[in-house]
Amino acid sequence: MTVGDYSQWTAGMRSQGRIGKPLTPQAKSGYLKVPRAFFRDLHEWEWIPQRFNPAHALRTPRSVQALMGPDPRVIADDIWASSCGPG
């Protein structure tokens, strides 16, 4: 999916130049969180029988979770040294 797919209103996204760009890993995870909560609630309220586990069936794929992890950056030695000692 890309930004703007299945959206009726894209005016704000166009002005920022985001239309057509790939979704972030956090957005992909969010798209899975909504139906997961929906089916969990349906099971909890006993509106449908429990035939599957939404937490398992609709979990965020490992490949997407890996992209959501920390994003380390290189810190220059002079900046690192000035923050570590008296000075």
C-alpha atoms as a PDB file:
ATOM      1  CA  MET A   1       0.000   0.000   0.000  1.00  0.00           C
ATOM      2  CA  THR A   2       0.989   3.572  -0.525  1.00  0.00           C
ATOM      3  CA  VAL A   3      -0.085   6.823   1.073  1.00  0.00           C
ATOM      4  CA  GLY A   4      -3.495   7.830  -0.277  1.00  0.00           C
ATOM      5  CA  ASP A   5      -4.717   4.346  -1.227  1.00  0.00           C
ATOM      6  CA  TYR A   6      -8.361   3.865  -0.270  1.00  0.00           C
ATOM      7  CA  SER A   7      -8.623   7.499   0.906  1.00  0.00           C
ATOM      8  CA  GLN A   8     -11.414   9.797  -0.104  1.00  0.00           C
ATOM      9  CA  TRP A   9      -9.746  13.001   1.082  1.00  0.00           C
ATOM     10  CA  THR A  10      -6.143  13.494  -0.009  1.00  0.00           C
ATOM     11  CA  ALA A  11      -5.842  17.285  -0.108  1.00  0.00           C
ATOM     12  CA  GLY A  12      -3.589  17.526   2.956  1.00  0.00           C
ATOM     13  CA  MET A  13      -1.417  14.674   1.741  1.00  0.00           C
ATOM     14  CA  ARG A  14      -0.966  16.244  -1.695  1.00  0.00           C
ATOM     15  CA  SER A  15       0.284  19.515  -0.261  1.00  0.00           C
ATOM     16  CA  GLN A  16       2.959  17.620   1.673  1.00  0.00           C
ATOM     17  CA  GLY A  17       3.978  15.502  -1.336  1.00  0.00           C
ATOM     18  CA  ARG A  18       3.230  12.199   0.394  1.00  0.00           C
ATOM     19  CA  ILE A  19       0.761  10.711  -2.121  1.00  0.00           C
ATOM     20  CA  GLY A  20       2.077   7.511  -3.665  1.00  0.00           C
ATOM     21  CA  LYS A  21       4.920   6.968  -1.196  1.00  0.00           C
ATOM     22  CA  PRO A  22       5.079   3.635   0.680  1.00  0.00           C
ATOM     23  CA  LEU A  23       3.459   3.429   4.102  1.00  0.00           C
ATOM     24  CA  THR A  24       5.728   3.528   7.123  1.00  0.00           C
ATOM     25  CA  PRO A  25       6.114   0.325   9.138  1.00  0.00           C
ATOM     26  CA  GLN A  26       4.173   1.989  11.977  1.00  0.00           C
ATOM     27  CA  ALA A  27       1.262   2.713   9.611  1.00  0.00           C
ATOM     28  CA  LYS A  28       1.249  -0.884   8.364  1.00  0.00           C
ATOM     29  CA  SER A  29       1.139  -2.109  11.943  1.00  0.00           C
ATOM     30  CA  GLY A  30      -1.699   0.301  12.691  1.00  0.00           C
ATOM     31  CA  TYR A  31      -3.744  -1.031   9.780  1.00  0.00           C
ATOM     32  CA  LEU A  32      -3.523  -4.497  11.342  1.00  0.00           C
ATOM     33  CA  LYS A  33      -4.253  -3.280  14.870  1.00  0.00           C
ATOM     34  CA  VAL A  34      -7.780  -2.099  14.031  1.00  0.00           C
ATOM     35  CA  PRO A  35      -9.243  -5.392  12.717  1.00  0.00           C
ATOM     36  CA  ARG A  36      -7.377  -7.274  15.465  1.00  0.00           C
ATOM     37  CA  ALA A  37      -9.166  -5.199  18.127  1.00  0.00           C
ATOM     38  CA  PHE A  38     -12.460  -5.476  16.247  1.00  0.00           C
ATOM     39  CA  PHE A  39     -12.430  -9.278  16.163  1.00  0.00           C
ATOM     40  CA  ARG A  40     -11.163  -9.475  19.740  1.00  0.00           C
ATOM     41  CA  ASP A  41     -14.159  -7.397  20.847  1.00  0.00           C
ATOM     42  CA  LEU A  42     -16.576  -9.537  18.819  1.00  0.00           C
ATOM     43  CA  HIS A  43     -15.224 -12.626  20.567  1.00  0.00           C
ATOM     44  CA  GLU A  44     -15.284 -10.983  23.991  1.00  0.00           C
ATOM     45  CA  TRP A  45     -18.891  -9.850  23.592  1.00  0.00           C
ATOM     46  CA  GLU A  46     -19.796 -13.333  22.273  1.00  0.00           C
ATOM     47  CA  TRP A  47     -21.274 -11.937  19.068  1.00  0.00           C
ATOM     48  CA  ILE A  48     -19.375 -14.480  16.969  1.00  0.00           C
ATOM     49  CA  PRO A  49     -17.924 -17.879  17.916  1.00  0.00           C
ATOM     50  CA  GLN A  50     -14.203 -18.114  18.579  1.00  0.00           C
ATOM     51  CA  ARG A  51     -12.876 -19.895  15.529  1.00  0.00           C
ATOM     52  CA  PHE A  52      -9.503 -18.132  15.347  1.00  0.00           C
ATOM     53  CA  ASN A  53      -7.204 -16.064  17.505  1.00  0.00           C
ATOM     54  CA  PRO A  54      -7.085 -12.475  16.160  1.00  0.00           C
ATOM     55  CA  ALA A  55      -3.849 -11.751  18.042  1.00  0.00           C
ATOM     56  CA  HIS A  56      -2.192 -14.595  16.162  1.00  0.00           C
ATOM     57  CA  ALA A  57      -3.927 -14.387  12.785  1.00  0.00           C
ATOM     58  CA  LEU A  58      -3.607 -10.598  12.437  1.00  0.00           C
ATOM     59  CA  ARG A  59      -0.259  -9.997  14.113  1.00  0.00           C
ATOM     60  CA  THR A  60       2.255  -7.651  12.545  1.00  0.00           C
ATOM     61  CA  PRO A  61       4.673  -9.640  10.369  1.00  0.00           C
ATOM     62  CA  ARG A  62       8.242 -10.026  11.604  1.00  0.00           C
ATOM     63  CA  SER A  63       9.585  -8.215   8.556  1.00  0.00           C
ATOM     64  CA  VAL A  64       7.539  -5.125   9.453  1.00  0.00           C
ATOM     65  CA  GLN A  65       8.411  -5.378  13.166  1.00  0.00           C
ATOM     66  CA  ALA A  66      12.096  -5.441  12.270  1.00  0.00           C
ATOM     67  CA  LEU A  67      11.710  -2.153  10.397  1.00  0.00           C
ATOM     68  CA  MET A  68      10.038  -0.553  13.433  1.00  0.00           C
ATOM     69  CA  GLY A  69      13.000  -1.200  15.716  1.00  0.00           C
ATOM     70  CA  PRO A  70      15.560   1.330  16.869  1.00  0.00           C
ATOM     71  CA  ASP A  71      17.359   3.378  14.241  1.00  0.00           C
ATOM     72  CA  PRO A  72      20.868   3.863  15.642  1.00  0.00           C
ATOM     73  CA  ARG A  73      23.042   6.660  14.313  1.00  0.00           C
ATOM     74  CA  VAL A  74      26.741   7.331  14.362  1.00  0.00           C
ATOM     75  CA  ILE A  75      27.817  10.040  16.801  1.00  0.00           C
ATOM     76  CA  ALA A  76      30.983  11.944  15.994  1.00  0.00           C
ATOM     77  CA  ASP A  77      33.870  11.306  18.416  1.00  0.00           C
ATOM     78  CA  ASP A  78      34.217  14.973  19.409  1.00  0.00           C
ATOM     79  CA  ILE A  79      30.533  15.231  20.333  1.00  0.00           C
ATOM     80  CA  TRP A  80      30.636  11.896  22.186  1.00  0.00           C
ATOM     81  CA  ALA A  81      33.730  12.925  24.140  1.00  0.00           C
ATOM     82  CA  SER A  82      32.328  16.313  25.122  1.00  0.00           C
ATOM     83  CA  SER A  83      29.174  14.727  26.554  1.00  0.00           C
ATOM     84  CA  CYS A  84      30.966  12.037  28.563  1.00  0.00           C
ATOM     85  CA  GLY A  85      33.511  13.877  30.601  1.00  0.00           C
ATOM     86  CA  PRO A  86      34.002  17.063  32.556  1.00  0.00           C
ATOM     87  CA  GLY A  87      34.565  19.903  30.404  1.00  0.00           C
END
